[in-house]
C-alpha atoms as a PDB file:
ATOM      1  CA  UNK A   1      -1.779   2.570   4.611  1.00  0.00           C
ATOM      2  CA  UNK A   2      -1.109  -1.191   5.176  1.00  0.00           C
ATOM      3  CA  UNK A   3      -4.465  -3.450   5.391  1.00  0.00           C
ATOM      4  CA  UNK A   4      -3.993  -6.182   7.160  1.00  0.00           C
ATOM      5  CA  UNK A   5      -6.798  -9.351   6.196  1.00  0.00           C
ATOM      6  CA  UNK A   6      -7.067 -12.403   8.447  1.00  0.00           C
ATOM      7  CA  UNK A   7      -7.743 -15.346   5.952  1.00  0.00           C
ATOM      8  CA  UNK A   8      -7.328 -18.132   8.922  1.00  0.00           C
ATOM      9  CA  UNK A   9      -7.499 -17.663  12.734  1.00  0.00           C
ATOM     10  CA  UNK A  10      -7.661 -21.036  13.929  1.00  0.00           C
ATOM     11  CA  UNK A  11      -5.173 -22.999  15.936  1.00  0.00           C
ATOM     12  CA  UNK A  12      -4.399 -26.541  14.766  1.00  0.00           C
ATOM     13  CA  UNK A  13      -7.533 -27.298  12.703  1.00  0.00           C
ATOM     14  CA  UNK A  14     -10.497 -25.602  11.259  1.00  0.00           C
ATOM     15  CA  UNK A  15     -13.237 -24.715  12.941  1.00  0.00           C
ATOM     16  CA  UNK A  16     -17.379 -23.845  11.024  1.00  0.00           C
ATOM     17  CA  UNK A  17     -16.262 -20.272  11.794  1.00  0.00           C
ATOM     18  CA  UNK A  18     -11.983 -20.039  11.825  1.00  0.00           C
ATOM     19  CA  UNK A  19      -9.953 -21.732   8.837  1.00  0.00           C
ATOM     20  CA  UNK A  20      -6.222 -22.314  10.138  1.00  0.00           C
ATOM     21  CA  UNK A  21      -3.548 -19.822  10.107  1.00  0.00           C
ATOM     22  CA  UNK A  22      -3.188 -17.809   7.028  1.00  0.00           C
ATOM     23  CA  UNK A  23      -2.518 -13.485   7.394  1.00  0.00           C
ATOM     24  CA  UNK A  24      -2.705 -11.732   4.042  1.00  0.00           C
ATOM     25  CA  UNK A  25      -0.638  -7.841   4.428  1.00  0.00           C
ATOM     26  CA  UNK A  26      -1.005  -5.495   1.500  1.00  0.00           C
ATOM     27  CA  UNK A  27       0.812  -2.504   1.001  1.00  0.00           C
ATOM     28  CA  UNK A  28       1.124   0.163  -2.124  1.00  0.00           C
ATOM     29  CA  UNK A  29       0.086  -2.487  -4.321  1.00  0.00           C
ATOM     30  CA  UNK A  30       2.171  -5.385  -2.912  1.00  0.00           C
ATOM     31  CA  UNK A  31       0.424  -8.438  -1.307  1.00  0.00           C
ATOM     32  CA  UNK A  32       2.274 -10.821   1.288  1.00  0.00           C
ATOM     33  CA  UNK A  33       1.021 -13.940   2.671  1.00  0.00           C
ATOM     34  CA  UNK A  34       1.959 -15.024   6.357  1.00  0.00           C
ATOM     35  CA  UNK A  35       1.546 -18.648   6.546  1.00  0.00           C
ATOM     36  CA  UNK A  36      -0.495 -20.922   4.634  1.00  0.00           C
ATOM     37  CA  UNK A  37      -2.909 -23.142   6.184  1.00  0.00           C
ATOM     38  CA  UNK A  38      -5.028 -25.368   4.351  1.00  0.00           C
ATOM     39  CA  UNK A  39      -7.656 -24.109   2.834  1.00  0.00           C
ATOM     40  CA  UNK A  40      -6.216 -20.973   2.314  1.00  0.00           C
ATOM     41  CA  UNK A  41      -7.094 -19.964  -1.769  1.00  0.00           C
ATOM     42  CA  UNK A  42     -10.651 -20.459  -1.130  1.00  0.00           C
ATOM     43  CA  UNK A  43     -10.267 -17.696   1.800  1.00  0.00           C
ATOM     44  CA  UNK A  44      -8.017 -15.579  -0.693  1.00  0.00           C
ATOM     45  CA  UNK A  45     -11.467 -15.770  -2.942  1.00  0.00           C
ATOM     46  CA  UNK A  46     -13.932 -15.539  -0.018  1.00  0.00           C
ATOM     47  CA  UNK A  47     -12.599 -12.263   1.508  1.00  0.00           C
ATOM     48  CA  UNK A  48     -11.343 -10.718  -1.888  1.00  0.00           C
ATOM     49  CA  UNK A  49      -7.908 -10.584  -1.491  1.00  0.00           C
ATOM     50  CA  UNK A  50      -6.751 -12.191  -4.630  1.00  0.00           C
ATOM     51  CA  UNK A  51      -4.570 -14.545  -5.995  1.00  0.00           C
ATOM     52  CA  UNK A  52      -1.560 -11.764  -7.142  1.00  0.00           C
ATOM     53  CA  UNK A  53       0.748 -12.696  -4.068  1.00  0.00           C
ATOM     54  CA  UNK A  54       4.421 -11.111  -4.359  1.00  0.00           C
ATOM     55  CA  UNK A  55       5.839 -13.663  -1.384  1.00  0.00           C
ATOM     56  CA  UNK A  56       4.938 -16.020   1.171  1.00  0.00           C
ATOM     57  CA  UNK A  57       6.346 -15.429   4.800  1.00  0.00           C
ATOM     58  CA  UNK A  58       6.195 -19.158   6.709  1.00  0.00           C
ATOM     59  CA  UNK A  59       6.986 -18.872  10.592  1.00  0.00           C
ATOM     60  CA  UNK A  60       7.504 -22.541  11.185  1.00  0.00           C
ATOM     61  CA  UNK A  61       6.460 -25.803   9.052  1.00  0.00           C
ATOM     62  CA  UNK A  62       3.685 -27.524  11.588  1.00  0.00           C
ATOM     63  CA  UNK A  63       0.787 -28.508   9.254  1.00  0.00           C
ATOM     64  CA  UNK A  64      -1.538 -25.805  10.202  1.00  0.00           C
ATOM     65  CA  UNK A  65       0.407 -23.241   8.802  1.00  0.00           C
ATOM     66  CA  UNK A  66       1.862 -25.086   5.637  1.00  0.00           C
ATOM     67  CA  UNK A  67      -1.024 -27.156   4.163  1.00  0.00           C
ATOM     68  CA  UNK A  68      -2.471 -24.624   1.818  1.00  0.00           C
ATOM     69  CA  UNK A  69       0.646 -24.498  -0.261  1.00  0.00           C
ATOM     70  CA  UNK A  70      -0.435 -27.007  -2.549  1.00  0.00           C
ATOM     71  CA  UNK A  71      -4.117 -25.736  -3.359  1.00  0.00           C
ATOM     72  CA  UNK A  72      -2.741 -22.190  -3.409  1.00  0.00           C
ATOM     73  CA  UNK A  73      -0.087 -23.017  -6.230  1.00  0.00           C
ATOM     74  CA  UNK A  74      -2.409 -24.697  -8.316  1.00  0.00           C
ATOM     75  CA  UNK A  75      -4.566 -21.548  -8.088  1.00  0.00           C
ATOM     76  CA  UNK A  76      -1.853 -19.289  -9.310  1.00  0.00           C
ATOM     77  CA  UNK A  77      -1.466 -21.819 -12.286  1.00  0.00           C
ATOM     78  CA  UNK A  78      -5.372 -21.873 -13.345  1.00  0.00           C
ATOM     79  CA  UNK A  79      -5.130 -18.278 -13.003  1.00  0.00           C
ATOM     80  CA  UNK A  80      -2.243 -18.070 -15.597  1.00  0.00           C
ATOM     81  CA  UNK A  81       0.326 -16.683 -13.566  1.00  0.00           C
ATOM     82  CA  UNK A  82       3.979 -16.449 -14.760  1.00  0.00           C
ATOM     83  CA  UNK A  83       5.529 -14.547 -12.240  1.00  0.00           C
ATOM     84  CA  UNK A  84       8.214 -16.086 -10.006  1.00  0.00           C
ATOM     85  CA  UNK A  85       7.180 -16.806  -6.190  1.00  0.00           C
ATOM     86  CA  UNK A  86       9.470 -16.539  -3.794  1.00  0.00           C
ATOM     87  CA  UNK A  87       8.130 -18.606  -0.494  1.00  0.00           C
ATOM     88  CA  UNK A  88      10.658 -17.414   2.755  1.00  0.00           C
ATOM     89  CA  UNK A  89      10.821 -20.015   5.914  1.00  0.00           C
ATOM     90  CA  UNK A  90      12.808 -21.347   8.637  1.00  0.00           C
ATOM     91  CA  UNK A  91      15.996 -23.539   8.133  1.00  0.00           C
ATOM     92  CA  UNK A  92      15.316 -26.726   5.972  1.00  0.00           C
ATOM     93  CA  UNK A  93      12.813 -24.701   4.173  1.00  0.00           C
ATOM     94  CA  UNK A  94      13.865 -27.317   1.271  1.00  0.00           C
ATOM     95  CA  UNK A  95      13.070 -30.388   3.102  1.00  0.00           C
ATOM     96  CA  UNK A  96      10.644 -29.243   4.558  1.00  0.00           C
ATOM     97  CA  UNK A  97       8.165 -27.573   1.793  1.00  0.00           C
ATOM     98  CA  UNK A  98       9.809 -28.985  -1.137  1.00  0.00           C
ATOM     99  CA  UNK A  99       7.415 -31.770  -1.262  1.00  0.00           C
ATOM    100  CA  UNK A 100       4.212 -29.574  -1.125  1.00  0.00           C
ATOM    101  CA  UNK A 101       5.524 -27.082  -3.638  1.00  0.00           C
ATOM    102  CA  UNK A 102       6.549 -30.426  -5.809  1.00  0.00           C
ATOM    103  CA  UNK A 103       2.747 -31.318  -5.332  1.00  0.00           C
ATOM    104  CA  UNK A 104       1.387 -28.251  -6.446  1.00  0.00           C
ATOM    105  CA  UNK A 105       3.552 -27.836  -9.143  1.00  0.00           C
ATOM    106  CA  UNK A 106       2.991 -30.838 -10.958  1.00  0.00           C
ATOM    107  CA  UNK A 107       2.561 -28.915 -14.369  1.00  0.00           C
ATOM    108  CA  UNK A 108       4.950 -25.921 -13.578  1.00  0.00           C
ATOM    109  CA  UNK A 109       3.975 -22.688 -14.958  1.00  0.00           C
ATOM    110  CA  UNK A 110       5.992 -20.293 -12.998  1.00  0.00           C
ATOM    111  CA  UNK A 111       8.970 -20.674 -10.742  1.00  0.00           C
ATOM    112  CA  UNK A 112       8.709 -20.927  -7.236  1.00  0.00           C
ATOM    113  CA  UNK A 113      11.804 -20.068  -5.264  1.00  0.00           C
ATOM    114  CA  UNK A 114      12.461 -21.537  -1.520  1.00  0.00           C
ATOM    115  CA  UNK A 115      14.624 -19.156   0.474  1.00  0.00           C
ATOM    116  CA  UNK A 116      15.921 -20.042   4.075  1.00  0.00           C
ATOM    117  CA  UNK A 117      15.865 -16.923   6.561  1.00  0.00           C
ATOM    118  CA  UNK A 118      17.093 -16.792  10.476  1.00  0.00           C
ATOM    119  CA  UNK A 119      16.534 -14.574  13.177  1.00  0.00           C
ATOM    120  CA  UNK A 120      18.369 -11.164  12.606  1.00  0.00           C
ATOM    121  CA  UNK A 121      17.438 -11.211   8.791  1.00  0.00           C
ATOM    122  CA  UNK A 122      16.796  -8.090   7.396  1.00  0.00           C
ATOM    123  CA  UNK A 123      15.264  -7.882   3.611  1.00  0.00           C
ATOM    124  CA  UNK A 124      15.520  -4.542   2.413  1.00  0.00           C
ATOM    125  CA  UNK A 125      12.472  -4.265  -0.148  1.00  0.00           C
ATOM    126  CA  UNK A 126      11.851  -0.433  -1.068  1.00  0.00           C
ATOM    127  CA  UNK A 127      10.873   2.091   1.436  1.00  0.00           C
ATOM    128  CA  UNK A 128      10.040  -0.714   4.111  1.00  0.00           C
ATOM    129  CA  UNK A 129      12.389  -3.692   5.586  1.00  0.00           C
ATOM    130  CA  UNK A 130      11.447  -7.071   6.609  1.00  0.00           C
ATOM    131  CA  UNK A 131      12.833  -8.107  10.121  1.00  0.00           C
ATOM    132  CA  UNK A 132      12.915 -11.543  10.800  1.00  0.00           C
ATOM    133  CA  UNK A 133      12.934 -12.559  14.654  1.00  0.00           C
ATOM    134  CA  UNK A 134      13.065 -15.444  16.533  1.00  0.00           C
ATOM    135  CA  UNK A 135       9.753 -16.854  18.070  1.00  0.00           C
ATOM    136  CA  UNK A 136       9.647 -19.478  20.533  1.00  0.00           C
ATOM    137  CA  UNK A 137       7.546 -22.569  19.742  1.00  0.00           C
ATOM    138  CA  UNK A 138       8.473 -26.190  18.630  1.00  0.00           C
ATOM    139  CA  UNK A 139      11.431 -26.242  16.570  1.00  0.00           C
ATOM    140  CA  UNK A 140      12.744 -23.203  14.934  1.00  0.00           C
ATOM    141  CA  UNK A 141       9.998 -20.862  14.720  1.00  0.00           C
ATOM    142  CA  UNK A 142      10.282 -17.260  13.201  1.00  0.00           C
ATOM    143  CA  UNK A 143       8.629 -13.996  13.473  1.00  0.00           C
ATOM    144  CA  UNK A 144       8.287 -11.056  11.105  1.00  0.00           C
ATOM    145  CA  UNK A 145       7.856  -7.192  11.190  1.00  0.00           C
ATOM    146  CA  UNK A 146       7.203  -4.961   8.078  1.00  0.00           C
ATOM    147  CA  UNK A 147       8.930  -1.780   9.079  1.00  0.00           C
ATOM    148  CA  UNK A 148       8.638   1.213   7.073  1.00  0.00           C
ATOM    149  CA  UNK A 149      11.274   3.773   6.316  1.00  0.00           C
ATOM    150  CA  UNK A 150      11.300   6.864   7.919  1.00  0.00           C
ATOM    151  CA  UNK A 151       9.120   9.749   5.374  1.00  0.00           C
ATOM    152  CA  UNK A 152       9.699  12.786   4.463  1.00  0.00           C
ATOM    153  CA  UNK A 153       8.229  15.894   6.590  1.00  0.00           C
ATOM    154  CA  UNK A 154       5.314  17.535   5.607  1.00  0.00           C
ATOM    155  CA  UNK A 155       5.726  20.304   2.763  1.00  0.00           C
ATOM    156  CA  UNK A 156       3.638  23.480   3.022  1.00  0.00           C
ATOM    157  CA  UNK A 157       2.238  24.489  -0.168  1.00  0.00           C
ATOM    158  CA  UNK A 158       0.520  27.701   0.799  1.00  0.00           C
ATOM    159  CA  UNK A 159       3.738  28.932   2.275  1.00  0.00           C
ATOM    160  CA  UNK A 160       5.725  28.023  -1.158  1.00  0.00           C
ATOM    161  CA  UNK A 161       3.179  30.027  -3.451  1.00  0.00           C
ATOM    162  CA  UNK A 162       3.157  32.721  -0.903  1.00  0.00           C
ATOM    163  CA  UNK A 163       6.889  33.109  -1.957  1.00  0.00           C
ATOM    164  CA  UNK A 164       6.085  32.529  -5.727  1.00  0.00           C
ATOM    165  CA  UNK A 165       7.753  29.333  -6.083  1.00  0.00           C
ATOM    166  CA  UNK A 166       5.894  27.643  -8.601  1.00  0.00           C
ATOM    167  CA  UNK A 167       4.321  24.109  -8.120  1.00  0.00           C
ATOM    168  CA  UNK A 168       6.470  21.347 -10.243  1.00  0.00           C
ATOM    169  CA  UNK A 169      10.128  20.604 -10.402  1.00  0.00           C
ATOM    170  CA  UNK A 170      11.091  23.100  -7.986  1.00  0.00           C
ATOM    171  CA  UNK A 171       8.565  21.894  -4.968  1.00  0.00           C
ATOM    172  CA  UNK A 172       9.858  18.655  -5.909  1.00  0.00           C
ATOM    173  CA  UNK A 173      13.726  19.568  -4.973  1.00  0.00           C
ATOM    174  CA  UNK A 174      12.490  21.199  -1.756  1.00  0.00           C
ATOM    175  CA  UNK A 175      10.761  17.739  -0.680  1.00  0.00           C
ATOM    176  CA  UNK A 176      14.082  16.332  -0.929  1.00  0.00           C
ATOM    177  CA  UNK A 177      15.966  18.630   1.010  1.00  0.00           C
ATOM    178  CA  UNK A 178      17.284  21.067  -1.874  1.00  0.00           C
ATOM    179  CA  UNK A 179      17.371  24.750  -1.558  1.00  0.00           C
ATOM    180  CA  UNK A 180      15.193  26.516  -4.678  1.00  0.00           C
ATOM    181  CA  UNK A 181      14.789  30.409  -5.490  1.00  0.00           C
ATOM    182  CA  UNK A 182      11.823  32.162  -4.670  1.00  0.00           C
ATOM    183  CA  UNK A 183      10.304  35.089  -6.893  1.00  0.00           C
ATOM    184  CA  UNK A 184      12.931  37.746  -5.637  1.00  0.00           C
ATOM    185  CA  UNK A 185      15.711  35.248  -6.432  1.00  0.00           C
ATOM    186  CA  UNK A 186      16.079  34.370  -2.622  1.00  0.00           C
ATOM    187  CA  UNK A 187      17.400  31.082  -1.528  1.00  0.00           C
ATOM    188  CA  UNK A 188      14.841  29.100   0.299  1.00  0.00           C
ATOM    189  CA  UNK A 189      16.243  25.791   2.223  1.00  0.00           C
ATOM    190  CA  UNK A 190      13.767  22.898   2.200  1.00  0.00           C
ATOM    191  CA  UNK A 191      13.623  23.630   6.260  1.00  0.00           C
ATOM    192  CA  UNK A 192      11.542  26.732   5.668  1.00  0.00           C
ATOM    193  CA  UNK A 193       9.039  24.656   3.839  1.00  0.00           C
ATOM    194  CA  UNK A 194       9.163  21.070   4.987  1.00  0.00           C
ATOM    195  CA  UNK A 195       8.626  19.854   8.211  1.00  0.00           C
ATOM    196  CA  UNK A 196      10.702  17.458  10.448  1.00  0.00           C
ATOM    197  CA  UNK A 197      10.911  13.276   9.361  1.00  0.00           C
ATOM    198  CA  UNK A 198       7.618  11.336  10.179  1.00  0.00           C
ATOM    199  CA  UNK A 199       8.379   7.851  11.249  1.00  0.00           C
ATOM    200  CA  UNK A 200       6.750   4.925   8.923  1.00  0.00           C
ATOM    201  CA  UNK A 201       4.463   2.079  10.028  1.00  0.00           C
ATOM    202  CA  UNK A 202       5.312  -1.246  11.804  1.00  0.00           C
ATOM    203  CA  UNK A 203       3.232  -4.057  11.676  1.00  0.00           C
ATOM    204  CA  UNK A 204       4.607  -7.495  13.541  1.00  0.00           C
ATOM    205  CA  UNK A 205       3.041 -10.927  13.251  1.00  0.00           C
ATOM    206  CA  UNK A 206       4.555 -13.517  15.890  1.00  0.00           C
ATOM    207  CA  UNK A 207       3.747 -17.051  14.307  1.00  0.00           C
ATOM    208  CA  UNK A 208       3.367 -19.263  17.192  1.00  0.00           C
ATOM    209  CA  UNK A 209       4.970 -18.675  20.376  1.00  0.00           C
ATOM    210  CA  UNK A 210       5.037 -18.244  24.353  1.00  0.00           C
ATOM    211  CA  UNK A 211       5.580 -15.179  25.365  1.00  0.00           C
ATOM    212  CA  UNK A 212       9.439 -14.263  24.976  1.00  0.00           C
ATOM    213  CA  UNK A 213      12.272 -11.109  24.891  1.00  0.00           C
ATOM    214  CA  UNK A 214      12.758 -11.557  21.248  1.00  0.00           C
ATOM    215  CA  UNK A 215       9.156 -10.885  20.426  1.00  0.00           C
ATOM    216  CA  UNK A 216       9.030  -8.102  22.858  1.00  0.00           C
ATOM    217  CA  UNK A 217      12.102  -6.354  21.074  1.00  0.00           C
ATOM    218  CA  UNK A 218      10.972  -7.014  17.557  1.00  0.00           C
ATOM    219  CA  UNK A 219       7.344  -5.457  18.388  1.00  0.00           C
ATOM    220  CA  UNK A 220       8.864  -2.587  20.187  1.00  0.00           C
ATOM    221  CA  UNK A 221       6.629   0.560  19.127  1.00  0.00           C
ATOM    222  CA  UNK A 222       4.888  -1.282  16.550  1.00  0.00           C
ATOM    223  CA  UNK A 223       1.031   0.537  15.310  1.00  0.00           C
ATOM    224  CA  UNK A 224      -0.142  -3.507  15.222  1.00  0.00           C
ATOM    225  CA  UNK A 225       0.954  -6.562  16.945  1.00  0.00           C
ATOM    226  CA  UNK A 226      -0.912  -9.953  15.823  1.00  0.00           C
ATOM    227  CA  UNK A 227       0.063 -12.147  18.521  1.00  0.00           C
ATOM    228  CA  UNK A 228      -1.242 -15.734  19.335  1.00  0.00           C
ATOM    229  CA  UNK A 229      -3.615 -16.638  21.876  1.00  0.00           C
ATOM    230  CA  UNK A 230      -4.144 -20.398  21.793  1.00  0.00           C
ATOM    231  CA  UNK A 231      -5.671 -20.303  25.331  1.00  0.00           C
ATOM    232  CA  UNK A 232      -7.560 -18.371  28.187  1.00  0.00           C
ATOM    233  CA  UNK A 233      -5.827 -18.528  31.477  1.00  0.00           C
ATOM    234  CA  UNK A 234      -8.148 -21.884  32.097  1.00  0.00           C
ATOM    235  CA  UNK A 235      -5.559 -23.309  29.988  1.00  0.00           C
ATOM    236  CA  UNK A 236      -2.183 -22.217  31.446  1.00  0.00           C
ATOM    237  CA  UNK A 237      -0.643 -25.457  31.844  1.00  0.00           C
ATOM    238  CA  UNK A 238      -1.595 -26.685  28.654  1.00  0.00           C
ATOM    239  CA  UNK A 239      -0.179 -23.604  27.172  1.00  0.00           C
ATOM    240  CA  UNK A 240       3.391 -23.561  28.482  1.00  0.00           C
ATOM    241  CA  UNK A 241       3.058 -27.782  27.922  1.00  0.00           C
ATOM    242  CA  UNK A 242       2.459 -26.934  24.287  1.00  0.00           C
ATOM    243  CA  UNK A 243       4.632 -24.139  23.999  1.00  0.00           C
ATOM    244  CA  UNK A 244       1.779 -21.164  22.807  1.00  0.00           C
ATOM    245  CA  UNK A 245       0.529 -18.143  24.744  1.00  0.00           C
ATOM    246  CA  UNK A 246      -2.529 -17.392  26.778  1.00  0.00           C
ATOM    247  CA  UNK A 247      -4.504 -14.378  25.762  1.00  0.00           C
ATOM    248  CA  UNK A 248      -3.569 -12.769  29.137  1.00  0.00           C
ATOM    249  CA  UNK A 249       0.202 -13.691  28.082  1.00  0.00           C
ATOM    250  CA  UNK A 250       0.140 -11.907  24.365  1.00  0.00           C
ATOM    251  CA  UNK A 251      -1.643  -8.410  26.406  1.00  0.00           C
ATOM    252  CA  UNK A 252       1.515  -7.843  28.619  1.00  0.00           C
ATOM    253  CA  UNK A 253       3.811  -8.600  25.596  1.00  0.00           C
ATOM    254  CA  UNK A 254       1.669  -5.664  23.811  1.00  0.00           C
ATOM    255  CA  UNK A 255       2.014  -4.013  26.910  1.00  0.00           C
ATOM    256  CA  UNK A 256       5.534  -4.567  27.471  1.00  0.00           C
ATOM    257  CA  UNK A 257       6.379  -3.717  24.113  1.00  0.00           C
ATOM    258  CA  UNK A 258       4.454  -0.203  23.901  1.00  0.00           C
ATOM    259  CA  UNK A 259       2.512  -1.200  20.571  1.00  0.00           C
ATOM    260  CA  UNK A 260      -0.806   0.777  19.570  1.00  0.00           C
ATOM    261  CA  UNK A 261      -2.794  -2.115  18.995  1.00  0.00           C
ATOM    262  CA  UNK A 262      -3.056  -5.973  19.564  1.00  0.00           C
ATOM    263  CA  UNK A 263      -4.797  -8.623  17.634  1.00  0.00           C
ATOM    264  CA  UNK A 264      -5.274 -11.710  19.132  1.00  0.00           C
ATOM    265  CA  UNK A 265      -4.968 -14.943  16.493  1.00  0.00           C
ATOM    266  CA  UNK A 266      -4.713 -18.728  16.419  1.00  0.00           C
ATOM    267  CA  UNK A 267      -7.692 -19.116  18.548  1.00  0.00           C
ATOM    268  CA  UNK A 268      -8.263 -23.014  19.990  1.00  0.00           C
ATOM    269  CA  UNK A 269     -11.316 -24.894  18.719  1.00  0.00           C
ATOM    270  CA  UNK A 270     -12.475 -24.844  22.519  1.00  0.00           C
ATOM    271  CA  UNK A 271     -13.403 -20.538  22.345  1.00  0.00           C
ATOM    272  CA  UNK A 272     -16.399 -19.085  20.363  1.00  0.00           C
ATOM    273  CA  UNK A 273     -16.174 -16.892  17.628  1.00  0.00           C
ATOM    274  CA  UNK A 274     -16.251 -14.128  19.776  1.00  0.00           C
ATOM    275  CA  UNK A 275     -14.053 -15.597  22.443  1.00  0.00           C
ATOM    276  CA  UNK A 276     -14.934 -12.998  25.156  1.00  0.00           C
ATOM    277  CA  UNK A 277     -13.186 -14.970  27.974  1.00  0.00           C
ATOM    278  CA  UNK A 278      -9.967 -14.293  25.720  1.00  0.00           C
ATOM    279  CA  UNK A 279     -10.812 -10.524  25.295  1.00  0.00           C
ATOM    280  CA  UNK A 280     -11.748  -9.781  28.564  1.00  0.00           C
ATOM    281  CA  UNK A 281      -8.476 -11.219  29.977  1.00  0.00           C
ATOM    282  CA  UNK A 282      -6.392  -9.538  27.676  1.00  0.00           C
ATOM    283  CA  UNK A 283      -8.178  -6.202  27.980  1.00  0.00           C
ATOM    284  CA  UNK A 284      -7.895  -6.340  31.516  1.00  0.00           C
ATOM    285  CA  UNK A 285      -3.809  -5.588  30.709  1.00  0.00           C
ATOM    286  CA  UNK A 286      -4.073  -4.075  27.490  1.00  0.00           C
ATOM    287  CA  UNK A 287      -7.428  -2.177  26.611  1.00  0.00           C
ATOM    288  CA  UNK A 288      -6.619  -2.075  22.702  1.00  0.00           C
ATOM    289  CA  UNK A 289      -7.135  -5.361  22.357  1.00  0.00           C
ATOM    290  CA  UNK A 290      -9.150  -6.782  19.476  1.00  0.00           C
ATOM    291  CA  UNK A 291     -10.123 -11.247  18.922  1.00  0.00           C
ATOM    292  CA  UNK A 292      -9.468 -11.797  15.387  1.00  0.00           C
ATOM    293  CA  UNK A 293     -11.740 -13.476  13.283  1.00  0.00           C
ATOM    294  CA  UNK A 294     -12.063 -14.665   9.373  1.00  0.00           C
ATOM    295  CA  UNK A 295     -11.892 -12.195   7.226  1.00  0.00           C
ATOM    296  CA  UNK A 296     -11.643  -9.469   9.822  1.00  0.00           C
ATOM    297  CA  UNK A 297      -9.643  -6.180   7.864  1.00  0.00           C
ATOM    298  CA  UNK A 298      -7.616  -4.158   9.727  1.00  0.00           C
ATOM    299  CA  UNK A 299      -6.105  -0.992   8.316  1.00  0.00           C
ATOM    300  CA  UNK A 300      -3.019   0.561   9.796  1.00  0.00           C
ATOM    301  CA  UNK A 301      -2.444   4.266   8.944  1.00  0.00           C
ATOM    302  CA  UNK A 302      -0.777   7.305  10.288  1.00  0.00           C
ATOM    303  CA  UNK A 303      -2.232   9.218  13.396  1.00  0.00           C
ATOM    304  CA  UNK A 304      -4.368  12.331  12.108  1.00  0.00           C
ATOM    305  CA  UNK A 305      -3.156  12.418   8.564  1.00  0.00           C
ATOM    306  CA  UNK A 306      -4.904  11.965   5.413  1.00  0.00           C
END
């Protein structure tokens, strides 16, 4: 299960109902923060994600995606953090966010590492990869895909018991592909008791972008695509001018990439919290669409599995 909490869903400036960009992704005890707009630490308290962030990933360096860094670091220090924190971003990361880190760390209590990424980079992280893609906004912008590795096939415990194979280490060997003896001494192959490998989950976050082929490629087959949708069709010219997407644009990317679910975020302040004009335009193209709201939690799991 991957849990996604929308900490900030507004574009450019906060509103009464929406804070600026921040997204928490939690999986297997690990918390990854994507973008860190002003006030993110308060949103983390408000929506119960906690401050135990393992890494921060920035899509780009515009203020509405980064000004929360000093406050976040101060909050972590007040919580007596000692573990290092890694902050990833596009080129020129040290020049762009080094001053923000310094502002938040006037009394350093833990190490902050600033690491540059580029499209095409893949961070191997145990049983999943974090794949870096290119977004198309103003300046260099990144998009991210959390891609789980292929999982082991489903084990059939009832069949194993019927063959007289006791629960314990032998079951583990079977699940790993090894043959083991049954009650009669016959060697039982793993394929008799373990189904075919199963795909992992995939979650994609675009950051700010116009529709582009690199995002379509990165999002191919995703279980969840989180795509910016700053404007509606009434502001298409404005979207082109500022290098943002409309809700319909995002829906077309989701459709073309064959994703399962689309969440729209980075909503202009001109739209209400429910943004009916955005959801109507998007669902006309891609029905499995939601408009994200601050505090909304989306759980991404395996179809038909416990």
